Protein backbone atom coordinates (compact mmCIF):
# COMPACT_ATOMS: atom_id res chain seq x y z
CA MET A 1 -157.04 -127.96 54.96
CA ARG A 2 -158.41 -130.74 52.81
CA GLU A 3 -162.02 -130.76 51.83
CA GLY A 4 -164.41 -133.64 51.50
CA PRO A 5 -165.77 -136.30 53.80
CA LYS A 6 -162.34 -137.60 54.84
CA ALA A 7 -161.33 -134.19 56.26
CA ALA A 8 -164.48 -134.08 58.42
CA VAL A 9 -163.79 -137.56 59.79
CA GLU A 10 -160.28 -136.54 60.85
CA LEU A 11 -161.76 -133.85 63.13
CA ALA A 12 -163.79 -136.38 65.13
CA PRO A 13 -162.70 -136.71 68.75
CA PRO A 14 -161.73 -140.14 69.99
CA PRO A 15 -164.79 -142.13 71.07
CA VAL A 16 -165.73 -141.87 74.71
CA ARG A 17 -166.65 -145.04 76.51
CA GLY A 18 -170.39 -145.67 76.08
CA ARG A 19 -170.82 -143.08 73.32
CA ALA A 20 -170.75 -143.62 69.58
CA PRO A 21 -168.36 -141.46 67.55
CA LEU A 22 -169.86 -138.44 65.82
CA CYS A 23 -170.81 -138.72 62.18
CA PRO A 24 -169.46 -136.11 59.70
CA ALA A 25 -172.77 -134.23 59.60
CA GLU A 26 -172.77 -133.86 63.40
CA ILE A 27 -169.18 -132.65 63.34
CA ARG A 28 -169.99 -130.09 60.66
CA THR A 29 -172.97 -128.85 62.69
CA LYS A 30 -170.84 -128.50 65.83
CA ILE A 31 -168.13 -126.61 63.95
CA GLU A 32 -170.64 -124.26 62.31
CA SER A 33 -172.41 -123.54 65.60
CA PHE A 34 -169.17 -122.94 67.52
CA GLY A 35 -168.87 -119.29 68.47
CA SER A 36 -172.38 -118.39 67.35
CA THR A 37 -174.35 -116.13 69.63
CA PRO A 38 -177.34 -117.62 71.42
CA SER A 39 -180.75 -116.65 70.13
CA PRO A 40 -182.80 -114.05 72.01
CA SER A 41 -185.28 -116.74 72.97
CA SER A 42 -182.58 -118.54 74.94
CA HIS A 43 -181.94 -115.35 76.91
CA LEU A 44 -185.65 -115.07 77.67
CA GLU A 45 -185.78 -118.73 78.72
CA THR A 46 -182.83 -118.17 81.04
CA LEU A 47 -184.53 -115.14 82.57
CA MET A 48 -187.80 -117.03 82.91
CA ARG A 49 -186.08 -119.95 84.65
CA PHE A 50 -184.38 -117.52 87.03
CA VAL A 51 -187.73 -115.94 87.90
CA LEU A 52 -189.31 -119.37 88.36
CA TRP A 53 -186.51 -120.38 90.76
CA LEU A 54 -187.10 -117.16 92.71
CA LEU A 55 -190.84 -117.89 92.89
CA LEU A 56 -190.16 -121.42 94.07
CA ALA A 57 -187.85 -120.22 96.84
CA ALA A 58 -190.21 -117.40 97.83
CA SER A 59 -193.17 -119.78 98.06
CA VAL A 60 -191.24 -122.14 100.34
CA VAL A 61 -190.21 -119.25 102.61
CA ALA A 62 -193.75 -117.80 102.56
CA ASN A 63 -195.26 -121.17 103.43
CA ALA A 64 -192.86 -121.56 106.37
CA CYS A 65 -193.76 -118.05 107.57
CA VAL A 66 -197.49 -118.67 107.20
CA ASN A 67 -197.31 -121.89 109.19
CA THR A 68 -194.86 -120.63 111.83
CA PHE A 69 -194.94 -116.87 112.42
CA ALA A 70 -198.09 -115.42 110.86
CA GLY A 71 -200.44 -116.34 113.69
CA LEU A 72 -203.21 -117.21 111.26
CA THR A 73 -205.87 -119.70 112.28
CA GLY A 74 -208.64 -121.56 110.56
CA ALA A 75 -209.67 -120.51 107.08
CA ALA A 76 -207.07 -117.75 106.88
CA GLN A 77 -204.19 -120.18 107.41
CA ILE A 78 -205.70 -122.67 104.95
CA THR A 79 -206.13 -119.97 102.32
CA ALA A 80 -202.57 -118.70 102.77
CA SER A 81 -201.14 -122.25 102.66
CA VAL A 82 -203.11 -123.09 99.52
CA GLY A 83 -201.93 -119.87 97.89
CA THR A 84 -198.28 -120.56 98.59
CA GLY A 85 -198.74 -124.17 97.51
CA VAL A 86 -200.21 -123.09 94.18
CA VAL A 87 -197.23 -120.79 93.56
CA LEU A 88 -194.84 -123.61 94.51
CA LEU A 89 -196.49 -126.15 92.21
CA GLY A 90 -196.82 -123.63 89.38
CA SER A 91 -193.16 -122.67 89.49
CA ALA A 92 -192.10 -126.33 89.75
CA VAL A 93 -194.17 -127.20 86.67
CA GLY A 94 -192.76 -124.17 84.85
CA LEU A 95 -189.21 -125.24 85.67
CA TRP A 96 -189.95 -128.77 84.50
CA LEU A 97 -191.46 -127.56 81.22
CA THR A 98 -188.53 -125.24 80.49
CA ARG A 99 -185.76 -127.67 81.44
CA PRO A 100 -182.88 -127.90 78.98
CA ALA A 101 -183.00 -130.68 76.44
CA ARG A 102 -180.79 -133.68 77.19
CA THR A 103 -177.89 -133.92 74.81
CA ASP A 104 -176.45 -137.25 75.93
CA ALA A 105 -177.98 -140.40 74.54
């Protein structure tokens, strides 16, 4: 394998419509990162996003139960609805803040 900038340019994939070809530094970074193990923080972020999705789903189900089956009236129903709404909004904000970075330009 030849070394130098010309060798890195030969590894570039053909340009995709609407996307500029990769520069040699980007190609080198992709090659070096290929096969590397993800950092522990990415595992924690994945776990956190999973838990946030579970909280979001649970709050929707809990809100439906509170408004349909619980038989609560007045302040009790308002308190339960506000509580499930806070969990729903909190998990939605958490999911939005931990969303993966966009890689396409």
